[in-house]
Amino acid sequence: MGYSSHTIYQEIGDHIYDIDVASEHDIPLIVKRIVEAGGDVHHVSKEQLSLEKIYFSLIDREHAETEREKYE
Protein backbone atom coordinates (compact mmCIF):
# COMPACT_ATOMS: atom_id res chain seq x y z
CA MET A 1 0.00 0.00 0.00
CA GLY A 2 1.57 3.30 -1.09
CA TYR A 3 0.58 6.86 -0.65
CA SER A 4 -1.20 8.86 -3.30
CA SER A 5 0.71 10.12 -6.32
CA HIS A 6 -0.96 13.49 -5.65
CA THR A 7 1.34 14.20 -2.70
CA ILE A 8 3.09 17.54 -3.19
CA TYR A 9 5.77 18.96 -0.93
CA GLN A 10 7.64 22.23 -0.64
CA GLU A 11 10.61 23.12 1.53
CA ILE A 12 9.55 26.20 3.49
CA GLY A 13 12.55 26.46 5.80
CA ASP A 14 15.76 24.72 6.80
CA HIS A 15 14.61 21.07 6.87
CA ILE A 16 10.99 22.21 7.20
CA TYR A 17 8.49 20.96 4.66
CA ASP A 18 4.88 21.66 3.80
CA ILE A 19 3.30 18.54 2.33
CA ASP A 20 -0.04 18.52 0.52
CA VAL A 21 -1.75 15.14 0.46
CA ALA A 22 -4.83 13.96 -1.39
CA SER A 23 -6.12 12.13 1.68
CA GLU A 24 -5.41 12.42 5.39
CA HIS A 25 -5.06 8.62 5.35
CA ASP A 26 -1.71 9.13 3.57
CA ILE A 27 -0.17 11.01 6.52
CA PRO A 28 0.86 8.03 8.73
CA LEU A 29 2.56 6.28 5.82
CA ILE A 30 4.43 9.44 4.80
CA VAL A 31 5.68 9.93 8.37
CA LYS A 32 6.70 6.26 8.54
CA ARG A 33 8.65 6.53 5.27
CA ILE A 34 10.46 9.67 6.46
CA VAL A 35 11.51 7.95 9.69
CA GLU A 36 12.53 4.74 7.89
CA ALA A 37 14.74 6.84 5.60
CA GLY A 38 16.52 8.27 8.66
CA GLY A 39 14.61 11.53 8.93
CA ASP A 40 13.34 13.03 12.16
CA VAL A 41 9.74 14.17 12.51
CA HIS A 42 9.21 16.73 15.25
CA HIS A 43 5.72 17.95 14.37
CA VAL A 44 2.83 16.99 12.12
CA SER A 45 -0.33 19.06 11.80
CA LYS A 46 -3.37 18.86 9.59
CA GLU A 47 -4.64 21.99 7.89
CA GLN A 48 -7.71 22.03 5.72
CA LEU A 49 -7.65 24.87 3.25
CA SER A 50 -10.67 27.04 2.67
CA LEU A 51 -12.05 27.26 -0.86
CA GLU A 52 -10.75 30.83 -0.98
CA LYS A 53 -7.17 29.71 -0.24
CA ILE A 54 -7.41 26.94 -2.83
CA TYR A 55 -8.75 29.36 -5.45
CA PHE A 56 -6.00 31.93 -4.89
CA SER A 57 -3.34 29.22 -4.83
CA LEU A 58 -4.49 28.01 -8.26
CA ILE A 59 -4.61 31.56 -9.63
CA ASP A 60 -1.08 32.27 -8.32
CA ARG A 61 0.24 29.03 -9.85
CA GLU A 62 -1.40 29.83 -13.21
CA HIS A 63 0.06 33.34 -13.14
CA ALA A 64 3.56 32.01 -12.40
CA GLU A 65 3.34 29.55 -15.30
CA THR A 66 2.19 32.31 -17.67
CA GLU A 67 5.08 34.54 -16.60
CA ARG A 68 7.61 31.72 -17.01
CA GLU A 69 6.32 30.96 -20.53
CA LYS A 70 6.88 34.61 -21.54
CA TYR A 71 10.62 34.24 -20.98
CA GLU A 72 11.16 30.80 -22.55
C-alpha atoms as a PDB file:
ATOM      1  CA  MET A   1       0.000   0.000   0.000  1.00  0.00           C
ATOM      2  CA  GLY A   2       1.566   3.297  -1.089  1.00  0.00           C
ATOM      3  CA  TYR A   3       0.579   6.863  -0.649  1.00  0.00           C
ATOM      4  CA  SER A   4      -1.203   8.860  -3.300  1.00  0.00           C
ATOM      5  CA  SER A   5       0.711  10.117  -6.320  1.00  0.00           C
ATOM      6  CA  HIS A   6      -0.959  13.486  -5.653  1.00  0.00           C
ATOM      7  CA  THR A   7       1.341  14.195  -2.702  1.00  0.00           C
ATOM      8  CA  ILE A   8       3.094  17.545  -3.187  1.00  0.00           C
ATOM      9  CA  TYR A   9       5.770  18.959  -0.925  1.00  0.00           C
ATOM     10  CA  GLN A  10       7.641  22.226  -0.645  1.00  0.00           C
ATOM     11  CA  GLU A  11      10.612  23.117   1.535  1.00  0.00           C
ATOM     12  CA  ILE A  12       9.546  26.201   3.488  1.00  0.00           C
ATOM     13  CA  GLY A  13      12.550  26.463   5.804  1.00  0.00           C
ATOM     14  CA  ASP A  14      15.758  24.718   6.803  1.00  0.00           C
ATOM     15  CA  HIS A  15      14.613  21.069   6.867  1.00  0.00           C
ATOM     16  CA  ILE A  16      10.991  22.212   7.203  1.00  0.00           C
ATOM     17  CA  TYR A  17       8.492  20.955   4.655  1.00  0.00           C
ATOM     18  CA  ASP A  18       4.883  21.662   3.804  1.00  0.00           C
ATOM     19  CA  ILE A  19       3.300  18.535   2.329  1.00  0.00           C
ATOM     20  CA  ASP A  20      -0.045  18.517   0.521  1.00  0.00           C
ATOM     21  CA  VAL A  21      -1.748  15.135   0.459  1.00  0.00           C
ATOM     22  CA  ALA A  22      -4.830  13.959  -1.392  1.00  0.00           C
ATOM     23  CA  SER A  23      -6.123  12.126   1.676  1.00  0.00           C
ATOM     24  CA  GLU A  24      -5.408  12.424   5.387  1.00  0.00           C
ATOM     25  CA  HIS A  25      -5.063   8.624   5.351  1.00  0.00           C
ATOM     26  CA  ASP A  26      -1.705   9.127   3.569  1.00  0.00           C
ATOM     27  CA  ILE A  27      -0.168  11.006   6.523  1.00  0.00           C
ATOM     28  CA  PRO A  28       0.861   8.031   8.732  1.00  0.00           C
ATOM     29  CA  LEU A  29       2.565   6.277   5.818  1.00  0.00           C
ATOM     30  CA  ILE A  30       4.428   9.441   4.798  1.00  0.00           C
ATOM     31  CA  VAL A  31       5.684   9.928   8.368  1.00  0.00           C
ATOM     32  CA  LYS A  32       6.700   6.256   8.536  1.00  0.00           C
ATOM     33  CA  ARG A  33       8.655   6.529   5.270  1.00  0.00           C
ATOM     34  CA  ILE A  34      10.463   9.669   6.461  1.00  0.00           C
ATOM     35  CA  VAL A  35      11.506   7.945   9.694  1.00  0.00           C
ATOM     36  CA  GLU A  36      12.529   4.737   7.885  1.00  0.00           C
ATOM     37  CA  ALA A  37      14.741   6.844   5.597  1.00  0.00           C
ATOM     38  CA  GLY A  38      16.516   8.273   8.660  1.00  0.00           C
ATOM     39  CA  GLY A  39      14.607  11.530   8.935  1.00  0.00           C
ATOM     40  CA  ASP A  40      13.342  13.034  12.162  1.00  0.00           C
ATOM     41  CA  VAL A  41       9.743  14.169  12.512  1.00  0.00           C
ATOM     42  CA  HIS A  42       9.205  16.732  15.254  1.00  0.00           C
ATOM     43  CA  HIS A  43       5.721  17.952  14.369  1.00  0.00           C
ATOM     44  CA  VAL A  44       2.827  16.995  12.121  1.00  0.00           C
ATOM     45  CA  SER A  45      -0.331  19.056  11.797  1.00  0.00           C
ATOM     46  CA  LYS A  46      -3.369  18.861   9.588  1.00  0.00           C
ATOM     47  CA  GLU A  47      -4.638  21.994   7.894  1.00  0.00           C
ATOM     48  CA  GLN A  48      -7.713  22.031   5.717  1.00  0.00           C
ATOM     49  CA  LEU A  49      -7.648  24.874   3.250  1.00  0.00           C
ATOM     50  CA  SER A  50     -10.673  27.044   2.665  1.00  0.00           C
ATOM     51  CA  LEU A  51     -12.048  27.259  -0.857  1.00  0.00           C
ATOM     52  CA  GLU A  52     -10.747  30.827  -0.975  1.00  0.00           C
ATOM     53  CA  LYS A  53      -7.165  29.706  -0.243  1.00  0.00           C
ATOM     54  CA  ILE A  54      -7.411  26.936  -2.829  1.00  0.00           C
ATOM     55  CA  TYR A  55      -8.747  29.357  -5.450  1.00  0.00           C
ATOM     56  CA  PHE A  56      -5.998  31.926  -4.890  1.00  0.00           C
ATOM     57  CA  SER A  57      -3.342  29.215  -4.835  1.00  0.00           C
ATOM     58  CA  LEU A  58      -4.491  28.009  -8.263  1.00  0.00           C
ATOM     59  CA  ILE A  59      -4.609  31.557  -9.627  1.00  0.00           C
ATOM     60  CA  ASP A  60      -1.081  32.268  -8.316  1.00  0.00           C
ATOM     61  CA  ARG A  61       0.238  29.029  -9.849  1.00  0.00           C
ATOM     62  CA  GLU A  62      -1.396  29.826 -13.206  1.00  0.00           C
ATOM     63  CA  HIS A  63       0.055  33.337 -13.145  1.00  0.00           C
ATOM     64  CA  ALA A  64       3.561  32.010 -12.398  1.00  0.00           C
ATOM     65  CA  GLU A  65       3.338  29.545 -15.298  1.00  0.00           C
ATOM     66  CA  THR A  66       2.188  32.306 -17.668  1.00  0.00           C
ATOM     67  CA  GLU A  67       5.079  34.538 -16.602  1.00  0.00           C
ATOM     68  CA  ARG A  68       7.608  31.722 -17.009  1.00  0.00           C
ATOM     69  CA  GLU A  69       6.321  30.960 -20.533  1.00  0.00           C
ATOM     70  CA  LYS A  70       6.882  34.610 -21.537  1.00  0.00           C
ATOM     71  CA  TYR A  71      10.623  34.237 -20.983  1.00  0.00           C
ATOM     72  CA  GLU A  72      11.163  30.805 -22.550  1.00  0.00           C
END
